[in-house]
Amino acid sequence: MAGCMNVYFMRHGETSYNRQHLLQGQKDIPLNEAGRKQAEDAAEWCRERGICFSRVYASPLERARETAALVSGFPQDRIIIEKQIIEIDFGPVEGRKWEDLSTEEMDYINDPWEGKPIEGVESADHVIARVRVFLDELRRSAEQISADGEKQITSESTEMSSEGTEKSSVLVVTHGMALHGILTALTKDRGLWKVPLGNCCIFHSRLDEENGYSWPERLTPPLPTFR
């Protein structure tokens, strides 16, 4: 029987670079205190809705790994590190302040299919291609993950099960531009590259091996986006 599960895609919590409007890219910037509080609030949001994760994936960067641990309650050694969902490589504009970019640079980052490419910046098409590799592997793993979720809930108390805890839920913690890539890969809608993705925003998709991913639904309100 095909596995079926809920997948929650999340952007990491706030960092000092976010606060200063600096392009982080693949710089390994940790969460700040506000970011940790956002992740703790997201954990509470999940608990209130009976969401219990059976598997957790995160980008290799510290801000994603720490967010994943705080939201899921998993120790770091249980979090699966997935390099395909690391943030975009901003190359020569990494570390620069958003407001200091040229109009051409801003246009390309906001709409890479219309703007003039910036030499050394990873293309949107490459980001989409690599996150699709992860999404395809997750789909192939759906049946096993679903079975793991059944075992996890069986081992929990009757009280927890009676509260409607989801049996097979996966958390994927990534980054703003990488999450744009995931949304675009799931829907083939390039317009989703432009949607605002605040820190610790959450999108949900239902996944089964036979039918694939459902259209991703935003579960948290849009907030200001700082890359």
C-alpha atoms as a PDB file:
ATOM      1  CA  MET A   1       0.000   0.000   0.000  1.00  0.00           C
ATOM      2  CA  ALA A   2       1.361   3.444  -0.877  1.00  0.00           C
ATOM      3  CA  GLY A   3       2.682   5.536   1.981  1.00  0.00           C
ATOM      4  CA  CYS A   4       0.888   8.780   2.753  1.00  0.00           C
ATOM      5  CA  MET A   5       2.142  11.578   4.956  1.00  0.00           C
ATOM      6  CA  ASN A   6       2.094  15.264   5.741  1.00  0.00           C
ATOM      7  CA  VAL A   7       5.141  17.318   4.821  1.00  0.00           C
ATOM      8  CA  TYR A   8       5.773  20.672   6.506  1.00  0.00           C
ATOM      9  CA  PHE A   9       8.253  22.967   4.764  1.00  0.00           C
ATOM     10  CA  MET A  10       9.693  25.729   6.923  1.00  0.00           C
ATOM     11  CA  ARG A  11      12.147  28.569   6.640  1.00  0.00           C
ATOM     12  CA  HIS A  12      14.645  28.949   9.497  1.00  0.00           C
ATOM     13  CA  GLY A  13      14.293  31.539  12.268  1.00  0.00           C
ATOM     14  CA  GLU A  14      15.770  35.017  12.242  1.00  0.00           C
ATOM     15  CA  THR A  15      19.517  35.691  12.229  1.00  0.00           C
ATOM     16  CA  SER A  16      21.580  38.832  12.709  1.00  0.00           C
ATOM     17  CA  TYR A  17      22.010  38.991   8.925  1.00  0.00           C
ATOM     18  CA  ASN A  18      18.227  38.929   8.459  1.00  0.00           C
ATOM     19  CA  ARG A  19      17.890  41.750  10.963  1.00  0.00           C
ATOM     20  CA  GLN A  20      20.479  43.822   9.083  1.00  0.00           C
ATOM     21  CA  HIS A  21      19.048  42.973   5.631  1.00  0.00           C
ATOM     22  CA  LEU A  22      22.290  41.250   4.596  1.00  0.00           C
ATOM     23  CA  LEU A  23      22.281  38.491   1.969  1.00  0.00           C
ATOM     24  CA  GLN A  24      23.305  35.336   3.802  1.00  0.00           C
ATOM     25  CA  GLY A  25      23.407  32.801   1.022  1.00  0.00           C
ATOM     26  CA  GLN A  26      25.568  29.905   2.186  1.00  0.00           C
ATOM     27  CA  LYS A  27      27.338  31.812   4.973  1.00  0.00           C
ATOM     28  CA  ASP A  28      26.842  29.788   8.148  1.00  0.00           C
ATOM     29  CA  ILE A  29      25.105  32.403  10.288  1.00  0.00           C
ATOM     30  CA  PRO A  30      23.432  31.153  13.523  1.00  0.00           C
ATOM     31  CA  LEU A  31      20.018  32.120  14.844  1.00  0.00           C
ATOM     32  CA  ASN A  32      19.752  35.198  17.028  1.00  0.00           C
ATOM     33  CA  GLU A  33      17.566  35.294  20.138  1.00  0.00           C
ATOM     34  CA  ALA A  34      14.550  36.467  18.141  1.00  0.00           C
ATOM     35  CA  GLY A  35      15.057  33.538  15.770  1.00  0.00           C
ATOM     36  CA  ARG A  36      15.168  31.050  18.633  1.00  0.00           C
ATOM     37  CA  LYS A  37      11.955  32.535  20.025  1.00  0.00           C
ATOM     38  CA  GLN A  38      10.321  32.216  16.585  1.00  0.00           C
ATOM     39  CA  ALA A  39      11.307  28.550  16.453  1.00  0.00           C
ATOM     40  CA  GLU A  40       9.983  27.929  19.970  1.00  0.00           C
ATOM     41  CA  ASP A  41       6.708  29.630  19.017  1.00  0.00           C
ATOM     42  CA  ALA A  42       6.522  27.434  15.911  1.00  0.00           C
ATOM     43  CA  ALA A  43       7.029  24.359  18.111  1.00  0.00           C
ATOM     44  CA  GLU A  44       4.112  25.447  20.274  1.00  0.00           C
ATOM     45  CA  TRP A  45       2.017  26.088  17.145  1.00  0.00           C
ATOM     46  CA  CYS A  46       2.680  22.492  16.059  1.00  0.00           C
ATOM     47  CA  ARG A  47       1.873  21.051  19.498  1.00  0.00           C
ATOM     48  CA  GLU A  48      -1.427  22.910  19.627  1.00  0.00           C
ATOM     49  CA  ARG A  49      -2.407  21.244  16.346  1.00  0.00           C
ATOM     50  CA  GLY A  50      -1.282  17.758  17.334  1.00  0.00           C
ATOM     51  CA  ILE A  51       1.586  17.703  14.838  1.00  0.00           C
ATOM     52  CA  CYS A  52       4.279  15.225  15.903  1.00  0.00           C
ATOM     53  CA  PHE A  53       7.154  14.615  13.502  1.00  0.00           C
ATOM     54  CA  SER A  54       8.389  11.142  12.669  1.00  0.00           C
ATOM     55  CA  ARG A  55      11.294  12.408  10.573  1.00  0.00           C
ATOM     56  CA  VAL A  56      13.084  15.765  10.306  1.00  0.00           C
ATOM     57  CA  TYR A  57      15.296  17.093   7.518  1.00  0.00           C
ATOM     58  CA  ALA A  58      17.419  20.240   7.558  1.00  0.00           C
ATOM     59  CA  SER A  59      19.932  22.104   5.466  1.00  0.00           C
ATOM     60  CA  PRO A  60      23.542  21.684   6.642  1.00  0.00           C
ATOM     61  CA  LEU A  61      23.678  25.324   7.806  1.00  0.00           C
ATOM     62  CA  GLU A  62      23.456  25.942  11.550  1.00  0.00           C
ATOM     63  CA  ARG A  63      20.451  28.267  11.406  1.00  0.00           C
ATOM     64  CA  ALA A  64      18.363  25.551   9.737  1.00  0.00           C
ATOM     65  CA  ARG A  65      19.635  22.741  11.976  1.00  0.00           C
ATOM     66  CA  GLU A  66      18.928  24.677  15.168  1.00  0.00           C
ATOM     67  CA  THR A  67      15.467  25.693  13.969  1.00  0.00           C
ATOM     68  CA  ALA A  68      14.706  22.057  13.136  1.00  0.00           C
ATOM     69  CA  ALA A  69      15.794  20.903  16.599  1.00  0.00           C
ATOM     70  CA  LEU A  70      13.792  23.587  18.417  1.00  0.00           C
ATOM     71  CA  VAL A  71      10.622  23.023  16.390  1.00  0.00           C
ATOM     72  CA  SER A  72      10.674  19.227  16.419  1.00  0.00           C
ATOM     73  CA  GLY A  73      12.228  18.540  19.810  1.00  0.00           C
ATOM     74  CA  PHE A  74      14.651  16.155  18.079  1.00  0.00           C
ATOM     75  CA  PRO A  75      18.266  16.017  19.244  1.00  0.00           C
ATOM     76  CA  GLN A  76      20.707  17.168  16.589  1.00  0.00           C
ATOM     77  CA  ASP A  77      21.885  13.625  15.871  1.00  0.00           C
ATOM     78  CA  ARG A  78      18.353  12.571  14.816  1.00  0.00           C
ATOM     79  CA  ILE A  79      18.015  15.341  12.249  1.00  0.00           C
ATOM     80  CA  ILE A  80      18.791  14.229   8.697  1.00  0.00           C
ATOM     81  CA  ILE A  81      21.118  16.708   7.010  1.00  0.00           C
ATOM     82  CA  GLU A  82      20.219  17.259   3.366  1.00  0.00           C
ATOM     83  CA  LYS A  83      22.669  19.280   1.269  1.00  0.00           C
ATOM     84  CA  GLN A  84      20.206  19.614  -1.619  1.00  0.00           C
ATOM     85  CA  ILE A  85      18.091  22.072   0.399  1.00  0.00           C
ATOM     86  CA  ILE A  86      20.947  24.405   1.370  1.00  0.00           C
ATOM     87  CA  GLU A  87      20.419  28.092   0.600  1.00  0.00           C
ATOM     88  CA  ILE A  88      21.170  29.595  -2.812  1.00  0.00           C
ATOM     89  CA  ASP A  89      24.797  30.520  -3.446  1.00  0.00           C
ATOM     90  CA  PHE A  90      24.721  34.307  -3.738  1.00  0.00           C
ATOM     91  CA  GLY A  91      28.352  34.400  -4.868  1.00  0.00           C
ATOM     92  CA  PRO A  92      29.670  37.972  -5.215  1.00  0.00           C
ATOM     93  CA  VAL A  93      26.629  39.608  -3.565  1.00  0.00           C
ATOM     94  CA  GLU A  94      26.728  37.369  -0.475  1.00  0.00           C
ATOM     95  CA  GLY A  95      27.103  39.463   2.676  1.00  0.00           C
ATOM     96  CA  ARG A  96      25.950  42.666   0.988  1.00  0.00           C
ATOM     97  CA  LYS A  97      23.053  44.747   2.282  1.00  0.00           C
ATOM     98  CA  TRP A  98      19.871  44.430   0.226  1.00  0.00           C
ATOM     99  CA  GLU A  99      19.382  48.181   0.017  1.00  0.00           C
ATOM    100  CA  ASP A 100      22.934  48.595  -1.359  1.00  0.00           C
ATOM    101  CA  LEU A 101      22.350  46.338  -4.363  1.00  0.00           C
ATOM    102  CA  SER A 102      21.906  47.854  -7.786  1.00  0.00           C
ATOM    103  CA  THR A 103      18.458  47.860  -9.369  1.00  0.00           C
ATOM    104  CA  GLU A 104      19.630  45.188 -11.818  1.00  0.00           C
ATOM    105  CA  GLU A 105      20.846  42.968  -8.966  1.00  0.00           C
ATOM    106  CA  MET A 106      17.573  43.340  -7.067  1.00  0.00           C
ATOM    107  CA  ASP A 107      15.555  42.620 -10.208  1.00  0.00           C
ATOM    108  CA  TYR A 108      17.474  39.412 -10.883  1.00  0.00           C
ATOM    109  CA  ILE A 109      17.128  38.091  -7.332  1.00  0.00           C
ATOM    110  CA  ASN A 110      13.419  38.902  -7.253  1.00  0.00           C
ATOM    111  CA  ASP A 111      12.668  37.514 -10.733  1.00  0.00           C
ATOM    112  CA  PRO A 112      15.598  35.493 -12.087  1.00  0.00           C
ATOM    113  CA  TRP A 113      13.827  34.548 -15.320  1.00  0.00           C
ATOM    114  CA  GLU A 114      13.295  38.173 -16.282  1.00  0.00           C
ATOM    115  CA  GLY A 115      16.286  39.941 -14.728  1.00  0.00           C
ATOM    116  CA  LYS A 116      19.822  40.026 -16.101  1.00  0.00           C
ATOM    117  CA  PRO A 117      21.881  37.191 -14.552  1.00  0.00           C
ATOM    118  CA  ILE A 118      24.561  38.073 -12.012  1.00  0.00           C
ATOM    119  CA  GLU A 119      27.796  36.252 -12.757  1.00  0.00           C
ATOM    120  CA  GLY A 120      28.679  33.891  -9.904  1.00  0.00           C
ATOM    121  CA  VAL A 121      25.164  33.718  -8.414  1.00  0.00           C
ATOM    122  CA  GLU A 122      23.540  30.284  -8.493  1.00  0.00           C
ATOM    123  CA  SER A 123      20.668  30.255 -10.975  1.00  0.00           C
ATOM    124  CA  ALA A 124      17.067  29.688  -9.920  1.00  0.00           C
ATOM    125  CA  ASP A 125      16.883  26.769 -12.347  1.00  0.00           C
ATOM    126  CA  HIS A 126      19.822  25.092 -10.565  1.00  0.00           C
ATOM    127  CA  VAL A 127      18.220  25.627  -7.144  1.00  0.00           C
ATOM    128  CA  ILE A 128      14.959  24.121  -8.402  1.00  0.00           C
ATOM    129  CA  ALA A 129      16.770  21.159  -9.956  1.00  0.00           C
ATOM    130  CA  ARG A 130      18.647  20.270  -6.775  1.00  0.00           C
ATOM    131  CA  VAL A 131      15.681  20.646  -4.422  1.00  0.00           C
ATOM    132  CA  ARG A 132      13.683  18.460  -6.833  1.00  0.00           C
ATOM    133  CA  VAL A 133      16.262  15.700  -6.271  1.00  0.00           C
ATOM    134  CA  PHE A 134      15.435  15.883  -2.557  1.00  0.00           C
ATOM    135  CA  LEU A 135      11.672  15.977  -3.174  1.00  0.00           C
ATOM    136  CA  ASP A 136      11.861  12.926  -5.433  1.00  0.00           C
ATOM    137  CA  GLU A 137      13.858  10.981  -2.854  1.00  0.00           C
ATOM    138  CA  LEU A 138      11.377  11.949  -0.127  1.00  0.00           C
ATOM    139  CA  ARG A 139       8.538  10.711  -2.317  1.00  0.00           C
ATOM    140  CA  ARG A 140      10.290   7.381  -2.821  1.00  0.00           C
ATOM    141  CA  SER A 141      10.705   7.109   0.960  1.00  0.00           C
ATOM    142  CA  ALA A 142       7.059   7.897   1.754  1.00  0.00           C
ATOM    143  CA  GLU A 143       5.976   4.333   2.525  1.00  0.00           C
ATOM    144  CA  GLN A 144       8.840   3.711   4.966  1.00  0.00           C
ATOM    145  CA  ILE A 145       8.370   7.080   6.666  1.00  0.00           C
ATOM    146  CA  SER A 146       4.640   6.386   7.004  1.00  0.00           C
ATOM    147  CA  ALA A 147       5.407   3.037   8.626  1.00  0.00           C
ATOM    148  CA  ASP A 148       7.885   4.705  10.987  1.00  0.00           C
ATOM    149  CA  GLY A 149       5.189   7.177  11.982  1.00  0.00           C
ATOM    150  CA  GLU A 150       2.758   4.380  12.776  1.00  0.00           C
ATOM    151  CA  LYS A 151       5.348   2.739  15.034  1.00  0.00           C
ATOM    152  CA  GLN A 152       6.133   6.022  16.770  1.00  0.00           C
ATOM    153  CA  ILE A 153       2.513   6.733  17.631  1.00  0.00           C
ATOM    154  CA  THR A 154       1.938   3.141  18.730  1.00  0.00           C
ATOM    155  CA  SER A 155       4.768   3.558  21.228  1.00  0.00           C
ATOM    156  CA  GLU A 156       3.340   6.822  22.589  1.00  0.00           C
ATOM    157  CA  SER A 157       0.742   7.085  25.318  1.00  0.00           C
ATOM    158  CA  THR A 158      -2.959   6.588  24.630  1.00  0.00           C
ATOM    159  CA  GLU A 159      -3.504  10.151  25.817  1.00  0.00           C
ATOM    160  CA  MET A 160      -1.309  11.562  23.051  1.00  0.00           C
ATOM    161  CA  SER A 161      -2.955   9.415  20.389  1.00  0.00           C
ATOM    162  CA  SER A 162      -6.427  10.456  21.510  1.00  0.00           C
ATOM    163  CA  GLU A 163      -5.491  14.103  21.023  1.00  0.00           C
ATOM    164  CA  GLY A 164      -5.339  13.559  17.295  1.00  0.00           C
ATOM    165  CA  THR A 165      -1.585  13.544  16.844  1.00  0.00           C
ATOM    166  CA  GLU A 166      -0.674  13.106  13.183  1.00  0.00           C
ATOM    167  CA  LYS A 167       0.878   9.708  12.590  1.00  0.00           C
ATOM    168  CA  SER A 168       3.190  10.472   9.653  1.00  0.00           C
ATOM    169  CA  SER A 169       4.495  14.022   9.521  1.00  0.00           C
ATOM    170  CA  VAL A 170       7.825  15.202   8.161  1.00  0.00           C
ATOM    171  CA  LEU A 171       9.497  18.536   8.881  1.00  0.00           C
ATOM    172  CA  VAL A 172      11.802  20.080   6.285  1.00  0.00           C
ATOM    173  CA  VAL A 173      13.713  23.163   7.440  1.00  0.00           C
ATOM    174  CA  THR A 174      15.413  25.159   4.728  1.00  0.00           C
ATOM    175  CA  HIS A 175      16.006  28.780   3.643  1.00  0.00           C
ATOM    176  CA  GLY A 176      14.130  31.568   1.915  1.00  0.00           C
ATOM    177  CA  MET A 177      15.423  31.161  -1.635  1.00  0.00           C
ATOM    178  CA  ALA A 178      15.637  27.372  -1.347  1.00  0.00           C
ATOM    179  CA  LEU A 179      12.017  27.324  -0.152  1.00  0.00           C
ATOM    180  CA  HIS A 180      11.086  29.430  -3.170  1.00  0.00           C
ATOM    181  CA  GLY A 181      12.736  26.698  -5.204  1.00  0.00           C
ATOM    182  CA  ILE A 182      10.762  23.974  -3.426  1.00  0.00           C
ATOM    183  CA  LEU A 183       7.442  25.756  -3.954  1.00  0.00           C
ATOM    184  CA  THR A 184       8.265  26.306  -7.619  1.00  0.00           C
ATOM    185  CA  ALA A 185       9.386  22.688  -8.072  1.00  0.00           C
ATOM    186  CA  LEU A 186       6.191  21.365  -6.479  1.00  0.00           C
ATOM    187  CA  THR A 187       3.844  23.501  -8.555  1.00  0.00           C
ATOM    188  CA  LYS A 188       5.757  24.489 -11.707  1.00  0.00           C
ATOM    189  CA  ASP A 189       4.483  28.003 -10.958  1.00  0.00           C
ATOM    190  CA  ARG A 190       7.319  30.517 -11.240  1.00  0.00           C
ATOM    191  CA  GLY A 191       5.126  33.121  -9.591  1.00  0.00           C
ATOM    192  CA  LEU A 192       5.740  31.376  -6.273  1.00  0.00           C
ATOM    193  CA  TRP A 193       9.383  32.470  -6.442  1.00  0.00           C
ATOM    194  CA  LYS A 194       8.099  35.932  -5.531  1.00  0.00           C
ATOM    195  CA  VAL A 195       5.840  35.124  -2.564  1.00  0.00           C
ATOM    196  CA  PRO A 196       6.990  36.631   0.761  1.00  0.00           C
ATOM    197  CA  LEU A 197       8.535  34.037   3.069  1.00  0.00           C
ATOM    198  CA  GLY A 198       9.091  35.343   6.593  1.00  0.00           C
ATOM    199  CA  ASN A 199      11.271  33.566   9.115  1.00  0.00           C
ATOM    200  CA  CYS A 200       9.701  30.328  10.409  1.00  0.00           C
ATOM    201  CA  CYS A 201       6.918  30.448   7.822  1.00  0.00           C
ATOM    202  CA  ILE A 202       5.292  27.040   7.283  1.00  0.00           C
ATOM    203  CA  PHE A 203       3.824  25.422   4.175  1.00  0.00           C
ATOM    204  CA  HIS A 204       2.040  22.068   4.152  1.00  0.00           C
ATOM    205  CA  SER A 205       1.759  19.459   1.410  1.00  0.00           C
ATOM    206  CA  ARG A 206       0.143  16.028   1.515  1.00  0.00           C
ATOM    207  CA  LEU A 207       2.360  13.389  -0.058  1.00  0.00           C
ATOM    208  CA  ASP A 208       1.675   9.878  -1.230  1.00  0.00           C
ATOM    209  CA  GLU A 209       3.787   7.666  -3.463  1.00  0.00           C
ATOM    210  CA  GLU A 210       1.079   7.231  -6.084  1.00  0.00           C
ATOM    211  CA  ASN A 211      -0.173  10.797  -6.544  1.00  0.00           C
ATOM    212  CA  GLY A 212       2.823  12.810  -5.376  1.00  0.00           C
ATOM    213  CA  TYR A 213       2.601  16.135  -3.566  1.00  0.00           C
ATOM    214  CA  SER A 214      -0.526  18.208  -3.139  1.00  0.00           C
ATOM    215  CA  TRP A 215      -0.378  21.944  -3.846  1.00  0.00           C
ATOM    216  CA  PRO A 216       1.565  23.528  -0.934  1.00  0.00           C
ATOM    217  CA  GLU A 217      -0.671  25.478   1.440  1.00  0.00           C
ATOM    218  CA  ARG A 218       0.642  28.380   3.504  1.00  0.00           C
ATOM    219  CA  LEU A 219      -0.257  27.779   7.154  1.00  0.00           C
ATOM    220  CA  THR A 220       1.236  30.895   8.700  1.00  0.00           C
ATOM    221  CA  PRO A 221       0.537  34.532   7.754  1.00  0.00           C
ATOM    222  CA  PRO A 222       2.896  36.375   5.378  1.00  0.00           C
ATOM    223  CA  LEU A 223       5.533  38.392   7.226  1.00  0.00           C
ATOM    224  CA  PRO A 224       8.300  40.736   6.049  1.00  0.00           C
ATOM    225  CA  THR A 225      10.960  38.821   4.125  1.00  0.00           C
ATOM    226  CA  PHE A 226      14.641  39.404   4.847  1.00  0.00           C
ATOM    227  CA  ARG A 227      17.051  37.217   2.952  1.00  0.00           C
END
